[in-house]
Amino acid sequence: QVQLVESGGGLVQAGGSLRLSCAASGRTFSRYDMGWYRQAPGKERELVAAISDAGVVNYEDSVKGRFTVSRDDAKNTVYLQMNSLKPEDTAVYYCNAGVFYSGTYHYGDYWGIGTLVTVSS
């Protein structure tokens, strides 16, 4: 079992940056592929970025070139560096422990409680 705790959200002006962290408990963190999702008010949760246990990454089109996902298995932590933030990036951001299959990330059962990112114009 894995427990996930996100941090690093907050209020930032458009064009600014934030770095989200997701700390995981459990000895098997390095075996998991990890994903970052977000959910804006009135919208469905969407995958933003994902990183495999081997460090392979993929991104949702709207964040390519602005967001960077990384992981530090020694610290049981996955990060999401967000640059050039836009008001439309405003959402609650969640991390998830899942699996890549055929090049596509599939969410698993383990979710954090989320961290709110608000980008003002």
N, C-alpha and C. Protein backbone atom coordinates (compact mmCIF):
# COMPACT_ATOMS: atom_id res chain seq x y z
N GLN A 1 0.84 -1.20 0.00
CA GLN A 1 0.00 0.00 0.00
C GLN A 1 0.87 1.24 0.00
N VAL A 2 0.39 2.30 -0.64
CA VAL A 2 1.14 3.54 -0.76
C VAL A 2 0.26 4.69 -0.30
N GLN A 3 0.81 5.56 0.54
CA GLN A 3 0.12 6.79 0.91
C GLN A 3 0.85 7.96 0.29
N LEU A 4 0.08 8.89 -0.26
CA LEU A 4 0.63 10.00 -1.02
C LEU A 4 0.19 11.32 -0.40
N VAL A 5 1.13 12.25 -0.26
CA VAL A 5 0.81 13.56 0.30
C VAL A 5 1.43 14.64 -0.58
N GLU A 6 0.57 15.46 -1.17
CA GLU A 6 1.04 16.55 -2.02
C GLU A 6 1.29 17.81 -1.20
N SER A 7 2.18 18.64 -1.71
CA SER A 7 2.44 19.94 -1.11
C SER A 7 2.98 20.88 -2.18
N GLY A 8 3.03 22.17 -1.84
CA GLY A 8 3.64 23.13 -2.73
C GLY A 8 2.67 24.02 -3.50
N GLY A 9 1.37 23.77 -3.34
CA GLY A 9 0.41 24.61 -4.03
C GLY A 9 0.34 26.00 -3.40
N GLY A 10 -0.38 26.88 -4.06
CA GLY A 10 -0.53 28.23 -3.55
C GLY A 10 -1.05 29.17 -4.60
N LEU A 11 -0.97 30.46 -4.30
CA LEU A 11 -1.43 31.51 -5.19
C LEU A 11 -0.21 32.13 -5.88
N VAL A 12 -0.29 32.23 -7.19
CA VAL A 12 0.82 32.79 -7.96
C VAL A 12 0.24 33.62 -9.11
N GLN A 13 0.97 34.63 -9.51
CA GLN A 13 0.53 35.43 -10.66
C GLN A 13 0.85 34.71 -11.97
N ALA A 14 0.10 35.04 -12.96
CA ALA A 14 0.35 34.47 -14.29
C ALA A 14 1.80 34.75 -14.69
N GLY A 15 2.43 33.73 -15.28
CA GLY A 15 3.84 33.82 -15.64
C GLY A 15 4.78 33.32 -14.57
N GLY A 16 4.25 33.10 -13.38
CA GLY A 16 5.08 32.63 -12.27
C GLY A 16 5.29 31.13 -12.28
N SER A 17 5.95 30.66 -11.23
CA SER A 17 6.31 29.25 -11.12
C SER A 17 5.96 28.70 -9.75
N LEU A 18 5.70 27.41 -9.73
CA LEU A 18 5.52 26.66 -8.49
C LEU A 18 6.14 25.28 -8.69
N ARG A 19 6.56 24.68 -7.59
CA ARG A 19 7.00 23.29 -7.65
C ARG A 19 6.17 22.48 -6.65
N LEU A 20 5.45 21.53 -7.19
CA LEU A 20 4.67 20.63 -6.35
C LEU A 20 5.51 19.40 -6.00
N SER A 21 5.27 18.90 -4.80
CA SER A 21 5.92 17.68 -4.35
C SER A 21 4.85 16.68 -3.94
N CYS A 22 5.18 15.42 -4.11
CA CYS A 22 4.31 14.34 -3.67
C CYS A 22 5.18 13.34 -2.93
N ALA A 23 5.01 13.30 -1.63
CA ALA A 23 5.79 12.38 -0.80
C ALA A 23 5.01 11.09 -0.61
N ALA A 24 5.69 9.98 -0.82
CA ALA A 24 5.04 8.68 -0.73
C ALA A 24 5.61 7.86 0.42
N SER A 25 4.74 7.13 1.06
CA SER A 25 5.18 6.18 2.07
C SER A 25 5.32 4.82 1.42
N GLY A 26 5.98 3.92 2.08
CA GLY A 26 6.07 2.56 1.55
C GLY A 26 7.41 2.29 0.90
N ARG A 27 7.83 1.06 0.98
CA ARG A 27 9.15 0.68 0.48
C ARG A 27 9.18 0.44 -1.03
N THR A 28 8.00 0.35 -1.65
CA THR A 28 7.96 -0.05 -3.05
C THR A 28 7.73 1.13 -3.98
N PHE A 29 7.95 2.35 -3.49
CA PHE A 29 7.69 3.54 -4.31
C PHE A 29 8.42 3.47 -5.64
N SER A 30 9.65 3.01 -5.65
CA SER A 30 10.45 3.01 -6.88
C SER A 30 9.87 2.11 -7.96
N ARG A 31 8.99 1.21 -7.59
CA ARG A 31 8.38 0.29 -8.57
C ARG A 31 7.18 0.91 -9.28
N TYR A 32 6.66 2.01 -8.73
CA TYR A 32 5.44 2.60 -9.27
C TYR A 32 5.75 3.62 -10.36
N ASP A 33 4.91 3.61 -11.36
CA ASP A 33 4.82 4.74 -12.25
C ASP A 33 3.93 5.77 -11.56
N MET A 34 4.24 7.05 -11.76
CA MET A 34 3.53 8.09 -11.03
C MET A 34 2.92 9.10 -11.98
N GLY A 35 1.76 9.60 -11.61
CA GLY A 35 1.09 10.60 -12.43
C GLY A 35 0.66 11.80 -11.63
N TRP A 36 0.61 12.93 -12.28
CA TRP A 36 0.03 14.15 -11.72
C TRP A 36 -1.25 14.45 -12.50
N TYR A 37 -2.33 14.62 -11.76
CA TYR A 37 -3.61 14.99 -12.33
C TYR A 37 -4.02 16.35 -11.78
N ARG A 38 -4.98 16.96 -12.45
CA ARG A 38 -5.58 18.19 -11.92
C ARG A 38 -7.07 18.19 -12.21
N GLN A 39 -7.77 18.90 -11.35
CA GLN A 39 -9.21 19.05 -11.53
C GLN A 39 -9.60 20.48 -11.24
N ALA A 40 -10.08 21.14 -12.26
CA ALA A 40 -10.57 22.51 -12.13
C ALA A 40 -12.05 22.48 -11.76
N PRO A 41 -12.56 23.55 -11.16
CA PRO A 41 -13.98 23.57 -10.78
C PRO A 41 -14.88 23.30 -11.97
N GLY A 42 -15.79 22.37 -11.81
CA GLY A 42 -16.75 22.06 -12.85
C GLY A 42 -16.21 21.22 -13.99
N LYS A 43 -14.97 20.77 -13.86
CA LYS A 43 -14.36 19.98 -14.94
C LYS A 43 -13.94 18.61 -14.42
N GLU A 44 -13.71 17.71 -15.35
CA GLU A 44 -13.26 16.38 -14.98
C GLU A 44 -11.77 16.41 -14.64
N ARG A 45 -11.36 15.42 -13.85
CA ARG A 45 -9.95 15.29 -13.53
C ARG A 45 -9.20 14.88 -14.79
N GLU A 46 -8.05 15.50 -15.03
CA GLU A 46 -7.28 15.19 -16.23
C GLU A 46 -5.82 14.93 -15.86
N LEU A 47 -5.21 14.05 -16.65
CA LEU A 47 -3.79 13.75 -16.47
C LEU A 47 -2.95 14.90 -17.03
N VAL A 48 -2.01 15.36 -16.24
CA VAL A 48 -1.14 16.46 -16.63
C VAL A 48 0.23 15.94 -17.07
N ALA A 49 0.78 15.05 -16.27
CA ALA A 49 2.13 14.54 -16.53
C ALA A 49 2.28 13.20 -15.83
N ALA A 50 3.16 12.38 -16.38
CA ALA A 50 3.42 11.08 -15.77
C ALA A 50 4.88 10.71 -15.97
N ILE A 51 5.38 9.89 -15.04
CA ILE A 51 6.77 9.44 -15.12
C ILE A 51 6.81 7.97 -14.74
N SER A 52 7.51 7.20 -15.54
CA SER A 52 7.59 5.77 -15.27
C SER A 52 8.66 5.48 -14.21
N ASP A 53 8.72 4.24 -13.78
CA ASP A 53 9.74 3.87 -12.80
C ASP A 53 11.13 4.00 -13.39
N ALA A 54 11.23 3.98 -14.72
CA ALA A 54 12.52 4.13 -15.39
C ALA A 54 12.81 5.57 -15.80
N GLY A 55 11.89 6.48 -15.48
CA GLY A 55 12.12 7.88 -15.79
C GLY A 55 11.58 8.36 -17.12
N VAL A 56 10.82 7.52 -17.80
CA VAL A 56 10.18 7.95 -19.04
C VAL A 56 9.01 8.87 -18.68
N VAL A 57 8.90 9.98 -19.40
CA VAL A 57 7.88 10.97 -19.05
C VAL A 57 6.95 11.23 -20.22
N ASN A 58 5.74 11.64 -19.90
CA ASN A 58 4.88 12.22 -20.92
C ASN A 58 4.02 13.32 -20.31
N TYR A 59 3.49 14.18 -21.18
CA TYR A 59 2.79 15.38 -20.75
C TYR A 59 1.53 15.60 -21.57
N GLU A 60 0.55 16.20 -20.92
CA GLU A 60 -0.63 16.67 -21.63
C GLU A 60 -0.19 17.85 -22.51
N ASP A 61 -0.80 17.98 -23.67
CA ASP A 61 -0.32 18.94 -24.67
C ASP A 61 -0.25 20.37 -24.14
N SER A 62 -1.20 20.78 -23.32
CA SER A 62 -1.25 22.19 -22.91
C SER A 62 -0.13 22.57 -21.94
N VAL A 63 0.56 21.58 -21.38
CA VAL A 63 1.63 21.90 -20.43
C VAL A 63 3.01 21.58 -20.96
N LYS A 64 3.08 21.01 -22.15
CA LYS A 64 4.39 20.68 -22.72
C LYS A 64 5.24 21.95 -22.86
N GLY A 65 6.48 21.83 -22.44
CA GLY A 65 7.39 22.97 -22.50
C GLY A 65 7.29 23.90 -21.30
N ARG A 66 6.27 23.70 -20.46
CA ARG A 66 6.11 24.55 -19.26
C ARG A 66 6.26 23.75 -17.97
N PHE A 67 5.79 22.51 -17.96
CA PHE A 67 5.83 21.66 -16.78
C PHE A 67 6.89 20.59 -16.95
N THR A 68 7.51 20.21 -15.84
CA THR A 68 8.50 19.13 -15.85
C THR A 68 8.23 18.21 -14.65
N VAL A 69 8.06 16.94 -14.95
CA VAL A 69 7.88 15.95 -13.89
C VAL A 69 9.20 15.23 -13.65
N SER A 70 9.48 14.96 -12.38
CA SER A 70 10.71 14.25 -12.04
C SER A 70 10.46 13.45 -10.76
N ARG A 71 11.39 12.60 -10.44
CA ARG A 71 11.24 11.79 -9.23
C ARG A 71 12.58 11.58 -8.58
N ASP A 72 12.55 11.40 -7.27
CA ASP A 72 13.73 11.08 -6.50
C ASP A 72 13.36 9.86 -5.66
N ASP A 73 13.74 8.70 -6.12
CA ASP A 73 13.34 7.47 -5.43
C ASP A 73 13.99 7.35 -4.06
N ALA A 74 15.15 7.97 -3.87
CA ALA A 74 15.80 7.93 -2.56
C ALA A 74 14.97 8.67 -1.52
N LYS A 75 14.20 9.66 -1.98
CA LYS A 75 13.36 10.44 -1.09
C LYS A 75 11.89 10.06 -1.18
N ASN A 76 11.60 9.04 -2.00
CA ASN A 76 10.20 8.62 -2.19
C ASN A 76 9.31 9.81 -2.59
N THR A 77 9.80 10.62 -3.50
CA THR A 77 9.09 11.85 -3.85
C THR A 77 9.07 12.04 -5.36
N VAL A 78 7.93 12.50 -5.84
CA VAL A 78 7.80 12.91 -7.23
C VAL A 78 7.47 14.40 -7.25
N TYR A 79 7.98 15.11 -8.23
CA TYR A 79 7.85 16.55 -8.31
C TYR A 79 7.14 16.96 -9.60
N LEU A 80 6.55 18.13 -9.56
CA LEU A 80 6.01 18.75 -10.77
C LEU A 80 6.44 20.21 -10.74
N GLN A 81 7.41 20.54 -11.56
CA GLN A 81 7.85 21.92 -11.71
C GLN A 81 6.97 22.59 -12.75
N MET A 82 6.33 23.68 -12.35
CA MET A 82 5.38 24.37 -13.23
C MET A 82 5.87 25.78 -13.47
N ASN A 83 6.20 26.08 -14.70
CA ASN A 83 6.67 27.41 -15.10
C ASN A 83 5.66 28.06 -16.04
N SER A 84 5.81 29.35 -16.21
CA SER A 84 4.94 30.11 -17.13
C SER A 84 3.47 29.78 -16.87
N LEU A 85 3.09 29.83 -15.63
CA LEU A 85 1.73 29.45 -15.27
C LEU A 85 0.70 30.39 -15.86
N LYS A 86 -0.46 29.83 -16.18
CA LYS A 86 -1.56 30.56 -16.77
C LYS A 86 -2.79 30.42 -15.88
N PRO A 87 -3.72 31.37 -15.96
CA PRO A 87 -4.94 31.23 -15.16
C PRO A 87 -5.66 29.91 -15.39
N GLU A 88 -5.60 29.37 -16.59
CA GLU A 88 -6.27 28.10 -16.87
C GLU A 88 -5.59 26.90 -16.23
N ASP A 89 -4.42 27.11 -15.62
CA ASP A 89 -3.78 26.04 -14.85
C ASP A 89 -4.36 25.93 -13.43
N THR A 90 -5.22 26.86 -13.07
CA THR A 90 -5.83 26.83 -11.74
C THR A 90 -6.64 25.55 -11.55
N ALA A 91 -6.32 24.82 -10.49
CA ALA A 91 -6.96 23.54 -10.24
C ALA A 91 -6.42 22.96 -8.94
N VAL A 92 -7.06 21.91 -8.49
CA VAL A 92 -6.47 21.07 -7.44
C VAL A 92 -5.63 20.01 -8.14
N TYR A 93 -4.40 19.89 -7.71
CA TYR A 93 -3.46 18.94 -8.32
C TYR A 93 -3.29 17.74 -7.40
N TYR A 94 -3.38 16.56 -8.01
CA TYR A 94 -3.29 15.30 -7.28
C TYR A 94 -2.16 14.44 -7.85
N CYS A 95 -1.49 13.70 -6.99
CA CYS A 95 -0.59 12.70 -7.51
C CYS A 95 -1.22 11.32 -7.34
N ASN A 96 -0.74 10.42 -8.17
CA ASN A 96 -1.34 9.09 -8.25
C ASN A 96 -0.25 8.07 -8.52
N ALA A 97 -0.39 6.91 -7.95
CA ALA A 97 0.50 5.79 -8.22
C ALA A 97 -0.22 4.83 -9.15
N GLY A 98 0.30 4.67 -10.35
CA GLY A 98 -0.38 3.85 -11.35
C GLY A 98 0.60 3.03 -12.16
N VAL A 99 0.30 2.91 -13.46
CA VAL A 99 1.12 2.07 -14.32
C VAL A 99 1.06 2.55 -15.76
N PHE A 100 2.19 2.50 -16.41
CA PHE A 100 2.23 2.71 -17.86
C PHE A 100 1.93 1.37 -18.53
N TYR A 101 1.08 1.42 -19.52
CA TYR A 101 0.79 0.24 -20.31
C TYR A 101 0.66 0.67 -21.75
N SER A 102 1.46 0.05 -22.62
CA SER A 102 1.48 0.40 -24.03
C SER A 102 1.69 1.90 -24.24
N GLY A 103 2.58 2.47 -23.42
CA GLY A 103 2.94 3.86 -23.59
C GLY A 103 1.96 4.85 -23.02
N THR A 104 0.90 4.36 -22.41
CA THR A 104 -0.12 5.24 -21.84
C THR A 104 -0.19 5.03 -20.34
N TYR A 105 -0.29 6.15 -19.60
CA TYR A 105 -0.39 6.05 -18.15
C TYR A 105 -1.83 5.73 -17.76
N HIS A 106 -1.98 4.78 -16.85
CA HIS A 106 -3.28 4.38 -16.32
C HIS A 106 -3.26 4.60 -14.81
N TYR A 107 -4.23 5.33 -14.32
CA TYR A 107 -4.22 5.62 -12.88
C TYR A 107 -4.49 4.38 -12.06
N GLY A 108 -3.89 4.39 -10.85
CA GLY A 108 -4.09 3.31 -9.91
C GLY A 108 -5.00 3.75 -8.78
N ASP A 109 -5.05 2.93 -7.77
CA ASP A 109 -5.98 3.16 -6.66
C ASP A 109 -5.50 4.18 -5.65
N TYR A 110 -4.22 4.54 -5.71
CA TYR A 110 -3.66 5.39 -4.66
C TYR A 110 -3.60 6.84 -5.12
N TRP A 111 -4.27 7.69 -4.34
CA TRP A 111 -4.34 9.13 -4.62
C TRP A 111 -3.96 9.90 -3.38
N GLY A 112 -3.36 11.09 -3.60
CA GLY A 112 -3.20 12.02 -2.51
C GLY A 112 -4.48 12.83 -2.34
N ILE A 113 -4.46 13.74 -1.35
CA ILE A 113 -5.65 14.55 -1.09
C ILE A 113 -5.67 15.81 -1.93
N GLY A 114 -4.57 16.10 -2.60
CA GLY A 114 -4.53 17.23 -3.51
C GLY A 114 -3.96 18.49 -2.89
N THR A 115 -3.48 19.36 -3.77
CA THR A 115 -2.99 20.67 -3.36
C THR A 115 -3.50 21.69 -4.37
N LEU A 116 -4.00 22.81 -3.86
CA LEU A 116 -4.65 23.80 -4.70
C LEU A 116 -3.63 24.77 -5.30
N VAL A 117 -3.72 24.93 -6.60
CA VAL A 117 -2.91 25.92 -7.33
C VAL A 117 -3.87 26.95 -7.91
N THR A 118 -3.63 28.20 -7.57
CA THR A 118 -4.45 29.29 -8.09
C THR A 118 -3.54 30.27 -8.81
N VAL A 119 -3.84 30.51 -10.08
CA VAL A 119 -3.04 31.42 -10.89
C VAL A 119 -3.89 32.64 -11.20
N SER A 120 -3.45 33.80 -10.75
CA SER A 120 -4.21 35.02 -10.97
C SER A 120 -3.72 35.71 -12.24
N SER A 121 -4.65 36.39 -12.89
CA SER A 121 -4.30 37.08 -14.15
C SER A 121 -3.80 38.49 -13.89
